Protein backbone atom coordinates (compact mmCIF):
# COMPACT_ATOMS: atom_id res chain seq x y z
CA MET A 1 31.73 128.81 25.68
CA PRO A 2 30.84 128.23 29.26
CA HIS A 3 33.73 129.31 31.52
CA ALA A 4 34.07 125.65 32.70
CA VAL A 5 34.80 124.32 29.04
CA SER A 6 37.18 127.10 28.28
CA SER A 7 39.12 126.55 31.63
CA GLN A 8 39.38 122.65 30.54
CA ALA A 9 40.34 123.46 26.91
CA LEU A 10 42.89 126.18 28.18
CA THR A 11 44.08 123.59 30.71
CA LEU A 12 44.54 120.81 28.38
CA LEU A 13 46.35 122.65 25.51
CA THR A 14 48.74 123.83 28.41
CA GLU A 15 49.49 120.37 29.17
CA ILE A 16 49.85 119.04 25.84
CA LYS A 17 52.33 122.13 25.30
CA ALA A 18 54.06 120.91 28.23
CA MET A 19 54.31 117.15 27.26
CA LEU A 20 55.60 118.17 23.71
CA TYR A 21 58.33 120.13 25.51
CA SER A 22 59.07 117.06 27.50
CA ILE A 23 59.83 114.82 24.51
CA LEU A 24 61.84 117.43 22.86
CA LEU A 25 65.79 116.86 22.96
CA PRO A 26 67.71 120.03 23.77
CA GLN A 27 68.73 120.72 19.91
CA HIS A 28 65.24 120.95 19.18
CA GLU A 29 65.37 124.91 19.95
CA LYS A 30 63.53 125.93 16.66
CA LEU A 31 60.88 123.45 16.93
CA LYS A 32 60.24 124.72 20.74
CA GLU A 33 59.85 128.25 19.60
CA LYS A 34 57.48 126.94 16.62
CA ILE A 35 55.41 125.31 19.40
CA GLU A 36 55.45 128.45 21.58
CA GLY A 37 54.24 130.62 18.67
CA ILE A 38 51.53 128.24 17.57
CA LEU A 39 50.29 127.25 20.86
CA ASP A 40 50.66 130.25 22.67
CA ILE A 41 48.24 130.42 25.55
CA GLU A 42 47.77 134.56 25.22
CA VAL A 43 46.56 133.85 21.68
CA ILE A 44 44.31 130.84 22.51
CA GLN A 45 42.55 132.76 25.46
CA PRO A 46 40.90 135.25 23.58
CA GLN A 47 39.92 132.62 21.04
CA ILE A 48 38.21 130.81 23.99
CA ASP A 49 36.72 133.84 25.29
CA ASN A 50 35.19 134.58 21.73
CA ASP A 51 34.02 131.29 21.31
CA CYS A 52 36.08 130.83 18.06
CA LEU A 53 38.49 128.29 19.05
CA GLU A 54 39.02 125.50 16.43
CA PHE A 55 40.14 122.52 18.32
CA GLU A 56 40.35 120.62 14.92
CA LYS A 57 43.22 122.92 13.75
CA TYR A 58 45.30 122.82 17.21
CA ALA A 59 44.60 119.04 16.99
CA GLY A 60 45.89 118.92 13.35
CA TYR A 61 49.06 120.59 14.10
CA ILE A 62 49.79 118.74 17.41
CA LEU A 63 49.28 115.21 15.42
CA GLY A 64 51.54 116.31 12.85
CA LEU A 65 54.14 117.49 15.20
CA MET A 66 53.70 114.37 17.03
CA GLY A 67 53.96 112.27 13.81
CA MET A 68 57.61 114.01 13.32
CA LEU A 69 58.59 113.19 16.67
CA CYS A 70 57.18 109.77 17.42
CA ALA A 71 58.73 106.15 17.01
CA PRO A 72 57.68 104.27 13.99
CA VAL A 73 55.77 102.05 16.05
CA ARG A 74 53.65 104.64 17.08
CA ASP A 75 52.61 105.61 13.43
CA GLU A 76 49.47 103.47 13.49
CA ARG A 77 47.80 104.76 16.61
CA LEU A 78 48.57 108.14 15.27
CA ALA A 79 46.88 107.29 11.82
CA GLU A 80 43.72 106.23 14.16
CA LEU A 81 43.94 109.69 15.96
CA LYS A 82 43.85 111.60 12.72
CA LYS A 83 40.82 109.97 11.75
CA GLU A 84 38.91 110.65 15.18
CA THR A 85 36.21 113.52 14.66
CA LYS A 86 35.02 113.48 18.20
CA VAL A 87 37.12 116.22 20.42
CA VAL A 88 37.13 114.32 23.76
CA PRO A 89 38.46 110.82 22.55
CA LEU A 90 40.94 112.86 20.11
CA PHE A 91 42.52 114.64 22.98
CA ARG A 92 42.21 112.12 25.42
CA GLY A 93 44.20 109.77 22.75
CA ILE A 94 46.66 112.43 22.19
CA MET A 95 47.48 112.72 25.97
CA ASP A 96 47.86 108.90 26.10
CA LEU A 97 49.86 108.94 22.93
CA LEU A 98 52.25 111.58 24.30
CA GLU A 99 52.58 109.72 27.47
CA GLN A 100 53.89 106.36 25.59
CA MET A 101 56.02 108.98 23.68
CA LYS A 102 57.77 110.15 26.98
CA LEU A 103 58.22 106.69 27.77
CA ASP A 104 59.98 105.85 24.46
CA MET A 105 62.05 108.67 24.97
CA ALA A 106 63.04 107.65 28.42
CA ASN A 107 63.81 104.48 26.85
CA PHE A 108 65.83 105.74 24.04
CA THR A 109 67.98 108.00 26.52
CA ILE A 110 68.71 104.97 28.87
CA GLN A 111 69.56 102.91 25.73
CA GLN A 112 71.99 106.11 24.59
CA VAL A 113 73.92 106.10 27.84
CA ARG A 114 73.99 102.54 28.90
CA PRO A 115 77.22 101.91 27.60
CA VAL A 116 78.68 104.75 29.72
CA ILE A 117 76.80 103.42 32.73
CA VAL A 118 78.27 99.99 32.27
CA SER A 119 81.66 101.27 31.79
CA GLN A 120 81.67 103.14 35.04
CA SER A 121 79.75 100.85 37.07
CA VAL A 122 82.81 98.57 37.50
CA GLU A 123 84.66 101.29 39.01
CA TYR A 124 82.10 102.49 41.04
CA GLU A 125 81.85 99.30 42.57
CA LYS A 126 85.33 98.82 43.25
CA LEU A 127 85.15 102.21 45.04
CA LYS A 128 81.90 101.16 47.12
CA PHE A 129 83.87 98.00 48.13
CA ARG A 130 87.04 99.75 49.28
CA GLU A 131 85.10 102.15 51.31
CA PHE A 132 83.07 99.41 52.87
CA LEU A 133 86.48 97.85 53.89
CA ALA A 134 87.50 101.06 54.82
CA THR A 135 84.84 100.96 57.54
CA ARG A 136 85.73 97.71 58.77
CA GLU A 137 89.45 98.36 59.69
CA GLY A 138 91.02 95.98 62.41
CA GLU A 139 88.64 93.15 61.28
CA GLU A 140 91.43 91.80 58.89
CA ASN A 141 90.23 94.12 55.84
CA GLY A 142 86.60 93.80 56.52
CA LEU A 143 86.02 90.23 55.64
CA VAL A 144 86.33 88.33 58.98
CA SER A 145 82.77 86.54 58.17
CA THR A 146 83.66 85.67 54.85
CA ARG A 147 86.89 83.89 55.97
CA GLU A 148 85.19 82.11 58.80
CA TRP A 149 82.45 80.87 56.63
CA LEU A 150 85.00 79.75 54.13
CA THR A 151 87.17 78.19 56.65
CA ARG A 152 84.10 76.70 58.20
CA TYR A 153 82.99 74.76 55.08
CA ASN A 154 86.47 74.24 53.80
CA PRO A 155 86.79 70.59 53.08
CA THR A 156 89.47 68.27 54.98
CA GLU A 157 91.74 66.36 53.16
CA GLN A 158 90.16 63.28 54.05
CA GLU A 159 87.02 64.62 52.50
CA LEU A 160 88.63 65.69 49.22
CA ASN A 161 90.07 62.02 48.93
CA ASP A 162 86.74 60.30 49.43
CA PRO A 163 85.15 59.01 46.17
CA LYS A 164 81.75 59.95 47.15
CA TYR A 165 82.73 63.52 47.83
CA ARG A 166 84.60 64.15 44.81
CA LYS A 167 81.54 62.50 42.50
CA LEU A 168 79.64 64.95 44.46
CA LEU A 169 81.55 67.79 44.04
CA GLY A 170 81.75 66.91 40.36
CA GLN A 171 77.77 66.65 39.98
CA TRP A 172 77.57 70.01 41.75
CA SER A 173 80.01 71.58 39.26
CA LEU A 174 78.29 70.38 36.33
CA ILE A 175 74.86 71.85 37.92
CA THR A 176 76.40 75.19 38.43
CA LEU A 177 77.95 75.05 34.94
CA SER A 178 74.77 74.14 33.34
CA LYS A 179 73.07 77.09 35.21
CA ALA A 180 75.37 79.51 33.98
């Protein structure tokens, strides 16, 4: 096997191994050990050097492992890859599917921690607002501009009693409520 091809094969299998590790959860220690044993670079390198590396066997193992780890939505693509006979499209497909699986895992992780994030976000926002107000001491709790704006646009008693203004406020309230 030419040096460039063997180098590419080794690089490709190393990348696939790293991508597989990246989608495993911390509790998958035995699976990590199994991957390390089968995709052991020190074992693969002599096979490449002796021109006896069997891509199909490694691909079959990788696809089987991916089948255990992927979301059901990826099963169809996985089945297509299992039928692929050409090495380059097969490993390109494996890399693409592993990228999708990494995104699936990221989305799953976000979905799992979302309730914690939401529950803590209100307290975080309160803390940040208090910190903001603390930096604006001497400005009536830092809300001078807000108070000025509210005062500037506060309707007068005459405006509040004007039927046209009341009608306008009523329409505005309806528009606001319909958007909510």
